[in-house]
Protein backbone atom coordinates (compact mmCIF):
# COMPACT_ATOMS: atom_id res chain seq x y z
CA MET A 1 7.58 -45.71 -24.76
CA ALA A 2 5.98 -42.50 -23.38
CA GLY A 3 6.88 -41.71 -19.73
CA THR A 4 4.33 -41.60 -17.35
CA ALA A 5 1.30 -38.94 -16.66
CA GLU A 6 3.40 -36.89 -13.29
CA LYS A 7 0.40 -36.81 -10.39
CA LYS A 8 -1.64 -34.12 -10.19
CA ARG A 9 -1.13 -32.41 -6.43
CA ARG A 10 -3.66 -32.92 -4.24
CA ILE A 11 -4.35 -28.59 -2.29
CA ALA A 12 -7.86 -28.89 0.28
CA TYR A 13 -9.06 -25.14 0.87
CA LEU A 14 -10.41 -24.37 4.29
CA ILE A 15 -12.44 -21.60 5.05
CA THR A 16 -15.93 -19.88 6.02
CA SER A 17 -17.83 -20.12 3.16
CA LEU A 18 -18.06 -18.33 -0.57
CA ASP A 19 -19.79 -15.35 0.66
CA VAL A 20 -18.71 -11.76 -1.19
CA GLY A 21 -15.77 -11.00 0.56
CA GLY A 22 -11.85 -10.03 -0.33
CA SER A 23 -10.03 -13.37 1.15
CA GLU A 24 -13.21 -15.03 -0.72
CA ARG A 25 -12.54 -13.53 -3.85
CA GLN A 26 -9.17 -14.87 -2.96
CA LEU A 27 -8.56 -17.80 -2.34
CA VAL A 28 -11.25 -18.22 -5.68
CA GLY A 29 -8.25 -16.34 -8.07
CA TRP A 30 -6.32 -18.96 -6.58
CA VAL A 31 -7.81 -22.34 -7.42
CA ARG A 32 -8.30 -20.18 -11.14
CA GLY A 33 -4.54 -19.81 -11.01
CA LEU A 34 -2.89 -22.24 -10.89
CA PRO A 35 -2.24 -25.21 -13.51
CA LYS A 36 -4.23 -27.33 -14.26
CA ASP A 37 -1.72 -29.95 -15.39
CA LYS A 38 -0.56 -29.43 -11.49
CA TYR A 39 -3.53 -28.99 -9.59
CA GLU A 40 -6.68 -30.36 -8.07
CA CYS A 41 -7.77 -28.23 -6.02
CA HIS A 42 -10.67 -28.79 -3.38
CA VAL A 43 -12.67 -26.08 -1.10
CA ILE A 44 -13.95 -27.54 1.78
CA CYS A 45 -16.23 -25.21 3.42
CA LEU A 46 -16.95 -24.09 7.03
CA SER A 47 -20.36 -23.39 6.63
CA GLY A 48 -22.01 -23.94 3.31
CA PHE A 49 -20.98 -21.84 -0.13
CA GLY A 50 -22.54 -18.49 -0.51
CA PRO A 51 -22.70 -16.57 -3.90
CA LEU A 52 -18.91 -17.46 -5.09
CA GLU A 53 -20.51 -21.12 -5.52
CA SER A 54 -20.91 -20.59 -8.87
CA ASP A 55 -17.17 -19.13 -9.57
CA ALA A 56 -14.93 -21.40 -7.73
CA ARG A 57 -16.59 -24.57 -9.50
CA ALA A 58 -16.76 -22.53 -12.48
CA ALA A 59 -12.46 -22.07 -11.61
CA GLY A 60 -11.95 -25.54 -11.59
CA ALA A 61 -12.50 -26.45 -7.17
CA ILE A 62 -14.13 -29.54 -6.19
CA LEU A 63 -16.80 -28.28 -2.90
CA HIS A 64 -17.45 -29.56 -0.38
CA ASP A 65 -19.53 -28.63 2.94
CA LEU A 66 -19.13 -29.70 6.42
CA ARG A 67 -22.62 -27.89 7.19
CA TYR A 68 -21.32 -25.72 10.80
CA PRO A 69 -25.15 -23.79 11.64
CA ARG A 70 -24.16 -20.40 10.46
CA ARG A 71 -24.02 -17.25 11.96
CA ARG A 72 -23.91 -13.85 11.00
CA ALA A 73 -20.19 -14.17 11.46
CA PRO A 74 -19.66 -17.87 9.51
CA GLY A 75 -17.68 -19.70 11.72
CA THR A 76 -16.66 -18.49 14.72
CA ILE A 77 -17.74 -21.18 17.94
CA ARG A 78 -19.13 -19.57 20.38
CA GLY A 79 -19.49 -22.08 23.54
CA SER A 80 -23.72 -23.07 22.04
CA THR A 81 -22.18 -24.36 19.51
CA LEU A 82 -20.06 -26.64 20.93
CA PRO A 83 -21.41 -29.98 20.18
CA SER A 84 -21.62 -28.87 16.25
CA ALA A 85 -18.30 -27.14 15.99
CA LEU A 86 -17.65 -31.03 16.92
CA MET A 87 -19.73 -32.42 14.51
CA ALA A 88 -18.12 -30.79 12.07
CA TRP A 89 -14.79 -31.18 12.47
CA LEU A 90 -15.49 -35.13 13.14
CA ARG A 91 -16.85 -34.26 9.00
CA LEU A 92 -13.75 -32.65 8.31
CA VAL A 93 -11.03 -35.14 9.73
CA ARG A 94 -13.02 -38.27 8.03
CA LEU A 95 -12.74 -36.15 4.51
CA LEU A 96 -9.73 -35.63 5.46
CA ARG A 97 -8.53 -39.10 5.16
CA LYS A 98 -11.44 -39.39 2.20
CA LEU A 99 -9.01 -37.10 -0.06
CA ARG A 100 -5.79 -37.53 1.22
CA PRO A 101 -4.69 -33.95 0.41
CA ASP A 102 -0.87 -33.34 -0.43
CA VAL A 103 -1.60 -29.84 1.32
CA LEU A 104 -4.54 -28.29 3.46
CA HIS A 105 -4.11 -24.97 3.10
CA THR A 106 -6.42 -23.63 5.84
CA LEU A 107 -7.54 -19.46 5.88
CA ILE A 108 -9.58 -17.33 8.42
CA PRO A 109 -8.40 -18.59 12.11
CA ALA A 110 -11.28 -20.40 12.93
CA CYS A 111 -10.88 -22.95 10.45
CA ASN A 112 -7.02 -22.19 11.01
CA ILE A 113 -8.25 -23.86 14.45
CA LEU A 114 -10.36 -27.34 13.58
CA GLY A 115 -8.14 -27.29 9.94
CA GLY A 116 -4.54 -28.40 12.31
CA ALA A 117 -6.26 -30.01 14.57
CA ALA A 118 -8.43 -31.80 11.83
CA GLY A 119 -4.97 -32.31 9.68
CA ARG A 120 -2.92 -33.79 12.59
CA ILE A 121 -5.37 -35.86 13.66
CA ALA A 122 -5.64 -37.36 9.87
CA ARG A 123 -2.12 -37.74 8.97
CA VAL A 124 -1.88 -34.72 6.02
CA ARG A 125 1.01 -34.81 4.12
CA SER A 126 2.07 -31.09 4.65
CA MET A 127 -0.49 -28.08 6.68
CA MET A 128 -0.34 -24.47 5.72
CA CYS A 129 -2.29 -21.73 6.92
CA THR A 130 -2.09 -18.15 5.77
CA LYS A 131 -2.95 -15.16 8.26
CA LEU A 132 -5.23 -12.86 6.62
CA ALA A 133 -5.40 -9.65 9.26
CA LEU A 134 -3.53 -8.97 11.88
CA GLY A 135 -4.29 -10.54 15.57
CA HIS A 136 -6.47 -7.74 17.23
CA TYR A 137 -9.46 -10.45 17.15
CA ARG A 138 -7.70 -12.30 19.78
CA ASP A 139 -7.12 -9.25 22.52
CA ASN A 140 -11.12 -9.97 22.49
CA SER A 141 -10.52 -13.44 23.32
CA PRO A 142 -8.37 -15.83 25.18
CA ILE A 143 -9.20 -19.37 24.89
CA LEU A 144 -9.03 -18.40 20.39
CA ALA A 145 -4.78 -16.97 21.29
CA ARG A 146 -4.52 -19.74 24.02
CA LEU A 147 -5.86 -22.86 21.31
CA GLU A 148 -3.74 -20.15 18.20
CA ASN A 149 -0.81 -20.81 20.13
CA ILE A 150 -0.95 -24.18 20.24
CA ILE A 151 -1.64 -25.17 17.18
CA ASP A 152 -0.30 -22.52 14.89
CA PRO A 153 3.47 -23.96 15.21
CA TRP A 154 1.90 -27.89 13.80
CA PHE A 155 1.70 -25.30 10.66
CA ASP A 156 4.56 -25.79 8.67
CA LEU A 157 4.89 -23.07 6.65
CA ILE A 158 2.60 -19.77 7.37
CA HIS A 159 2.03 -17.23 5.02
CA CYS A 160 1.25 -13.87 5.60
CA LYS A 161 0.30 -11.21 2.92
CA SER A 162 1.91 -8.75 4.18
CA GLN A 163 5.03 -7.80 5.69
CA ALA A 164 2.92 -5.97 9.35
CA ILE A 165 1.18 -9.16 9.55
CA ILE A 166 4.73 -11.04 10.12
CA GLU A 167 5.94 -9.00 12.47
CA ASP A 168 2.36 -9.45 14.42
CA VAL A 169 2.56 -12.91 14.18
CA LEU A 170 5.60 -12.88 15.56
CA ARG A 171 5.53 -10.07 18.43
CA ARG A 172 2.64 -12.60 19.65
CA GLU A 173 2.16 -16.32 19.13
CA PRO A 174 5.19 -18.81 19.50
CA VAL A 175 6.14 -19.27 16.10
CA PRO A 176 9.29 -19.27 14.34
CA ARG A 177 10.88 -16.72 11.97
CA GLU A 178 12.19 -19.76 9.31
CA LYS A 179 8.51 -20.89 9.11
CA LEU A 180 6.67 -17.63 8.28
CA ARG A 181 7.04 -16.54 4.08
CA LEU A 182 5.49 -13.31 2.35
CA VAL A 183 3.18 -13.75 -0.31
CA TYR A 184 1.21 -10.19 -1.04
CA ASN A 185 -2.11 -9.92 -2.30
CA GLY A 186 -2.60 -9.56 -7.13
CA ILE A 187 -5.44 -8.47 -8.69
CA ASP A 188 -6.46 -9.64 -12.29
CA LEU A 189 -5.55 -6.69 -13.96
CA ASN A 190 -8.21 -8.24 -17.44
CA ARG A 191 -10.51 -7.58 -14.57
CA PHE A 192 -10.18 -4.09 -15.25
CA GLU A 193 -10.01 -3.63 -18.90
CA SER A 194 -12.98 -2.10 -21.04
CA LEU A 195 -15.52 -0.83 -18.37
CA PRO A 196 -17.47 2.39 -18.83
CA ASP A 197 -17.09 5.64 -18.74
CA ALA A 198 -17.82 7.69 -15.74
CA PHE A 199 -21.24 8.92 -16.47
CA THR A 200 -22.86 5.57 -17.19
CA VAL A 201 -22.31 4.12 -13.57
CA ARG A 202 -23.65 7.30 -12.28
CA ASN A 203 -26.18 7.69 -13.81
CA GLU A 204 -27.53 4.12 -12.49
CA LEU A 205 -26.60 5.23 -9.14
CA GLY A 206 -28.63 8.86 -9.30
CA LEU A 207 -25.47 10.23 -9.67
CA ARG A 208 -24.57 13.34 -11.26
CA VAL A 209 -21.30 14.23 -13.56
CA ASP A 210 -20.54 16.60 -11.83
CA ASP A 211 -20.35 15.54 -8.56
CA LEU A 212 -17.18 14.46 -6.61
CA VAL A 213 -17.31 10.66 -5.77
CA VAL A 214 -15.40 9.31 -2.99
CA GLY A 215 -15.69 5.07 -2.77
CA THR A 216 -15.41 2.42 -0.22
CA VAL A 217 -15.78 -0.71 -0.65
CA ALA A 218 -16.17 -2.58 2.63
CA ASN A 219 -18.79 -3.98 5.03
CA LEU A 220 -20.77 -2.59 7.21
CA ILE A 221 -18.22 -3.05 10.20
CA PRO A 222 -17.34 -0.82 13.09
CA TYR A 223 -13.46 -1.76 12.48
CA LYS A 224 -13.79 -0.67 8.57
CA GLY A 225 -14.40 2.87 10.09
CA HIS A 226 -17.68 4.10 8.40
CA LYS A 227 -18.59 6.18 11.86
CA ASP A 228 -15.10 8.49 11.03
CA ILE A 229 -16.21 8.62 7.62
CA ILE A 230 -19.28 10.22 8.44
CA GLU A 231 -17.62 12.70 10.72
CA ALA A 232 -15.16 13.35 7.91
CA ALA A 233 -17.71 14.40 6.12
CA ARG A 234 -19.76 17.42 8.24
CA LEU A 235 -16.40 17.94 7.86
CA LEU A 236 -15.40 18.61 3.96
CA LEU A 237 -19.31 19.59 2.78
CA PRO A 238 -19.24 23.01 3.98
CA LYS A 239 -16.57 23.66 1.03
CA ASN A 240 -17.02 20.74 -1.36
CA PRO A 241 -21.93 20.32 -1.30
CA ARG A 242 -21.22 18.20 -4.41
CA LEU A 243 -19.08 15.56 -2.28
CA LYS A 244 -20.81 11.92 -2.28
CA PHE A 245 -19.50 8.62 -0.12
CA LEU A 246 -20.56 5.53 -2.12
CA TRP A 247 -20.79 2.61 -0.26
CA VAL A 248 -20.19 -0.09 -1.38
CA GLY A 249 -20.40 -4.16 1.17
CA ARG A 250 -22.73 -6.01 2.48
CA ASP A 251 -24.70 -4.48 6.40
CA ASP A 252 -23.77 -6.83 9.68
CA GLY A 253 -25.86 -4.77 11.08
CA ILE A 254 -24.44 -1.52 12.00
CA GLY A 255 -25.91 0.57 9.16
CA GLU A 256 -29.40 1.07 10.89
CA SER A 257 -27.09 3.09 13.56
CA LEU A 258 -24.87 5.19 10.96
CA PHE A 259 -27.19 5.49 8.96
CA ARG A 260 -28.96 7.35 11.68
CA TYR A 261 -25.63 8.86 12.74
CA ALA A 262 -24.48 10.69 9.72
CA SER A 263 -28.50 12.61 9.63
CA GLU A 264 -27.88 14.23 12.84
CA LEU A 265 -24.66 15.17 11.12
CA GLY A 266 -26.58 16.17 8.31
CA VAL A 267 -24.80 13.88 6.06
CA ARG A 268 -27.33 11.14 5.23
CA GLU A 269 -27.86 13.04 1.51
CA CYS A 270 -24.93 12.63 0.73
CA ILE A 271 -23.71 8.54 1.71
CA VAL A 272 -24.92 6.09 -1.38
CA TYR A 273 -24.95 2.63 -0.26
CA VAL A 274 -25.91 0.43 -2.60
CA GLY A 275 -25.27 -3.09 -0.26
CA PRO A 276 -23.22 -5.83 -1.15
CA ARG A 277 -22.08 -6.05 -5.63
CA SER A 278 -19.68 -8.24 -7.57
CA ASP A 279 -19.40 -5.66 -10.34
CA VAL A 280 -17.06 -3.77 -8.32
CA PRO A 281 -14.77 -2.63 -10.92
CA ARG A 282 -17.01 -1.76 -13.09
CA LEU A 283 -18.94 0.35 -9.45
CA MET A 284 -15.27 1.73 -9.09
CA ALA A 285 -15.38 3.38 -12.75
CA GLY A 286 -17.67 6.20 -11.32
CA MET A 287 -15.92 7.38 -8.84
CA ASP A 288 -13.23 10.21 -7.94
CA VAL A 289 -11.01 7.80 -5.08
CA LEU A 290 -10.91 5.25 -2.93
CA LEU A 291 -11.70 5.89 0.95
CA SER A 292 -10.74 2.90 3.30
CA ALA A 293 -10.74 4.01 6.64
CA SER A 294 -9.96 1.08 8.40
CA HIS A 295 -8.72 0.11 11.87
CA GLU A 296 -7.33 -2.82 11.43
CA GLU A 297 -6.20 -4.14 8.17
CA GLY A 298 -4.10 -6.77 7.22
CA PHE A 299 -3.56 -6.61 3.16
CA SER A 300 -6.20 -4.76 1.74
CA ASN A 301 -7.09 -6.04 -2.07
CA VAL A 302 -9.38 -2.77 -2.43
CA VAL A 303 -7.22 -0.96 -1.95
CA LEU A 304 -5.20 -2.94 -4.39
CA GLU A 305 -8.27 -2.98 -7.33
CA ALA A 306 -8.57 0.43 -6.69
CA MET A 307 -4.87 1.53 -7.44
CA ALA A 308 -5.80 -1.13 -10.53
CA ALA A 309 -8.90 0.69 -12.09
CA ARG A 310 -6.27 4.28 -12.16
CA LEU A 311 -8.04 5.34 -8.90
CA PRO A 312 -5.73 7.99 -5.71
CA VAL A 313 -5.92 6.22 -2.64
CA VAL A 314 -6.18 7.46 1.18
CA ALA A 315 -5.48 4.41 3.26
CA THR A 316 -5.64 4.42 7.06
CA ARG A 317 -1.98 3.91 8.10
CA VAL A 318 -3.02 -0.30 9.24
CA GLY A 319 -1.43 -3.16 8.98
CA GLY A 320 -0.28 -3.51 4.62
CA ASN A 321 -1.75 -0.14 4.41
CA PRO A 322 1.94 1.70 3.85
CA GLU A 323 3.18 -1.14 1.57
CA ALA A 324 0.64 -0.74 -0.86
CA VAL A 325 -0.07 3.00 -1.22
CA VAL A 326 3.16 5.55 -1.49
CA ASP A 327 1.82 8.59 0.26
CA GLY A 328 1.79 10.82 -1.95
CA ILE A 329 2.46 9.11 -5.09
CA THR A 330 -0.09 6.92 -5.68
CA GLY A 331 -2.20 8.17 -2.77
CA ILE A 332 -2.13 9.38 0.61
CA ILE A 333 -1.85 7.31 4.16
CA VAL A 334 -3.84 9.25 6.94
CA GLU A 335 -3.94 7.86 10.47
CA PRO A 336 -7.11 5.89 11.98
CA ARG A 337 -9.84 7.31 14.55
CA ASN A 338 -9.46 10.58 13.46
CA PRO A 339 -11.54 11.71 11.16
CA VAL A 340 -10.01 14.98 10.57
CA SER A 341 -6.79 13.48 9.55
CA LEU A 342 -9.31 11.61 6.90
CA ALA A 343 -10.62 15.15 5.88
CA SER A 344 -7.27 16.72 5.38
CA GLY A 345 -6.20 13.94 3.30
CA LEU A 346 -8.90 14.14 1.17
CA GLU A 347 -9.04 17.48 0.79
CA LYS A 348 -5.27 17.43 -0.75
CA VAL A 349 -7.00 14.65 -3.22
CA LEU A 350 -9.72 16.46 -4.53
CA GLU A 351 -8.34 19.48 -4.22
CA ASP A 352 -7.79 19.44 -8.75
CA ASP A 353 -8.05 16.38 -11.27
CA GLU A 354 -4.47 16.66 -12.04
CA THR A 355 -3.43 15.18 -8.63
CA ARG A 356 -5.82 12.61 -9.15
CA ARG A 357 -5.16 11.44 -12.80
CA ARG A 358 -0.83 11.73 -11.63
CA MET A 359 -2.07 9.32 -8.41
CA GLY A 360 -3.93 6.91 -10.08
CA LEU A 361 -1.01 6.60 -12.93
CA ALA A 362 0.89 5.84 -10.26
CA GLY A 363 -1.23 3.55 -8.54
CA ARG A 364 -1.72 1.74 -11.12
CA ALA A 365 1.94 1.61 -12.54
CA ARG A 366 2.64 -0.06 -9.05
CA VAL A 367 0.54 -2.88 -9.46
CA GLU A 368 1.19 -4.20 -13.00
CA GLN A 369 4.35 -4.05 -11.17
CA GLU A 370 4.08 -6.17 -7.60
CA PHE A 371 1.22 -6.82 -7.53
CA SER A 372 0.13 -8.26 -10.49
CA TYR A 373 -2.18 -11.81 -10.85
CA GLU A 374 0.97 -14.07 -11.89
CA ALA A 375 2.98 -12.62 -9.14
CA MET A 376 0.32 -13.75 -6.51
CA ILE A 377 -0.05 -17.35 -8.15
CA ARG A 378 3.57 -18.27 -8.83
CA GLY A 379 4.04 -16.66 -5.14
CA LEU A 380 1.97 -19.67 -4.09
CA ASP A 381 2.99 -21.89 -5.81
CA ARG A 382 6.29 -21.96 -4.48
CA LEU A 383 4.96 -22.00 -1.89
CA TYR A 384 3.86 -25.74 -2.25
CA ASP A 385 6.86 -26.77 -4.29
CA GLU A 386 8.69 -25.51 -0.96
CA LEU A 387 5.97 -27.45 1.59
CA LEU A 388 6.50 -30.60 -1.23
CA THR A 389 9.67 -31.33 -2.34
CA ARG A 390 11.11 -31.44 1.42
């Protein structure tokens, strides 16, 4: 007699939205990669879907919208929106009772708080949250910090994306080390095959084939360090007149002031801003180096993507960057909030083609060995196994 098919594990993810961002792309990648015969994946969005909706559906996700009013920072809860937050939370409780997921997996601080409380009320079997970044946001929000201190211990496991995040959580929160698990981000290397040549990409962007192109893929947010890049550009341009800075990312309200500052320093003409793009691997084919100037970072998807694209990386010494970039081998680690250090690191990489080629190849090999998409999916699968075999 044929055996009974094993019931699929139902995973409910809670995230603010499916806007274009590193965490959102990673979530879609999780859904795509988890075995379809083992998992049924639901994605619950706090504030509507977004540009990655079609990708999520194509990956096999079943989508739900809690209809919390979208703000500039989706999912941010302010006093004036508490009634809307309460209504969204009640919808979440009802949805969880209806879905009866085996695991509730939350991402983003507001979702961790709302999801942890809702999951406890709805008696979800197992709960896990992902810590995407260091806890600097808690320093300016004591209420949020207190709520996290209450709710985070309710999660059965806490997934951290870097060792730096693990140490930060232990320092800030009353969570035992035994609950913390490390699974690094992983990169789908297939996205970085069969890309156009640099000439084609640069021609589309109005760049010259002999320009030295420093790419930064980051939304225009103060902590991403774009102002530091502008000041580093002023230091570098006299010696490197062919230098161009290609910026990719959403303008979260500071673009006008950044470009005005660049004009004041005389470097506006060397900055090419293309806004948010979904074809980052293609754009990387037109870059010579990837620069991450962030003041804070959990574990950067973009740094791994650049390494997958065989680009040398100049990245600040924050969060998980030193865990990804091997200083002097796959790129250069520089000090945050320090334009002089940024400029010095870029000079080392830009000085000759062979240095860039060697670092790019070493970065690609490191991603293949340590940060593959398959390794990430296996790690996530192990976490769900651990939760559901207790």
